[in-house]
Amino acid sequence: MAESWVNSAQRIGADLHLELSGPGGRRAALIRALREAVREGRLAPGTRLPPYRSLAADLGVARNT
């Protein structure tokens, strides 16, 4: 079984709680949430995100989001 993003985030020490809300669609909300995480220092610039399938599954969004 593949490691979930939540587990890998804990392993690398990232506090990445993404709130996918606000105006626009899920894609716009994801972009805002990731940018906010970088601005707040919860996600260091240049940090590699998990494979899109894992991230999408953990966030409950479609892979193409």
Protein backbone atom coordinates (compact mmCIF):
# COMPACT_ATOMS: atom_id res chain seq x y z
CA MET A 1 0.00 0.00 0.00
CA ALA A 2 1.34 3.43 -0.93
CA GLU A 3 2.18 5.91 1.78
CA SER A 4 -0.42 8.66 2.04
CA TRP A 5 0.52 12.34 1.76
CA VAL A 6 -0.51 12.82 5.37
CA ASN A 7 2.00 10.20 6.48
CA SER A 8 4.78 11.51 4.24
CA ALA A 9 4.05 15.08 5.40
CA GLN A 10 4.47 14.00 9.00
CA ARG A 11 7.69 12.22 8.08
CA ILE A 12 9.22 15.33 6.45
CA GLY A 13 7.84 17.61 9.16
CA ALA A 14 5.39 19.52 6.97
CA ASP A 15 2.28 20.90 8.65
CA LEU A 16 0.13 20.96 5.56
CA HIS A 17 -3.54 21.29 6.39
CA LEU A 18 -5.15 22.54 3.19
CA GLU A 19 -8.56 24.17 3.39
CA LEU A 20 -10.18 23.92 -0.06
CA SER A 21 -12.86 26.57 0.26
CA GLY A 22 -13.63 30.01 -1.06
CA PRO A 23 -14.71 31.43 -4.39
CA GLY A 24 -14.11 29.56 -7.60
CA GLY A 25 -13.73 25.86 -8.17
CA ARG A 26 -11.70 23.20 -6.41
CA ARG A 27 -8.66 23.92 -8.59
CA ALA A 28 -8.62 27.60 -7.60
CA ALA A 29 -9.08 26.64 -3.95
CA LEU A 30 -6.15 24.20 -4.15
CA ILE A 31 -3.91 26.85 -5.70
CA ARG A 32 -4.86 29.35 -2.98
CA ALA A 33 -4.30 26.79 -0.23
CA LEU A 34 -0.85 25.82 -1.51
CA ARG A 35 0.21 29.44 -1.91
CA GLU A 36 -1.03 30.23 1.60
CA ALA A 37 0.93 27.25 2.98
CA VAL A 38 4.11 28.61 1.36
CA ARG A 39 3.47 32.17 2.60
CA GLU A 40 2.84 30.94 6.14
CA GLY A 41 5.97 28.79 6.14
CA ARG A 42 4.13 25.48 6.44
CA LEU A 43 5.46 24.44 3.04
CA ALA A 44 8.97 25.51 2.10
CA PRO A 45 9.42 26.94 -1.39
CA GLY A 46 10.74 24.21 -3.68
CA THR A 47 9.36 21.36 -1.58
CA ARG A 48 8.27 18.52 -3.79
CA LEU A 49 4.64 17.59 -3.45
CA PRO A 50 3.62 13.94 -3.34
CA PRO A 51 2.53 12.10 -6.48
CA TYR A 52 -0.67 13.69 -7.75
CA ARG A 53 -2.68 10.50 -7.28
CA SER A 54 -1.81 10.35 -3.58
CA LEU A 55 -2.41 14.04 -3.02
CA ALA A 56 -5.72 13.97 -4.88
CA ALA A 57 -6.91 10.93 -2.94
CA ASP A 58 -5.98 12.50 0.41
CA LEU A 59 -7.67 15.79 -0.50
CA GLY A 60 -10.74 14.12 -1.97
CA VAL A 61 -10.39 15.77 -5.38
CA ALA A 62 -10.03 14.45 -8.91
CA ARG A 63 -6.48 13.79 -10.13
CA ASN A 64 -6.73 16.46 -12.83
CA THR A 65 -7.57 19.15 -10.24
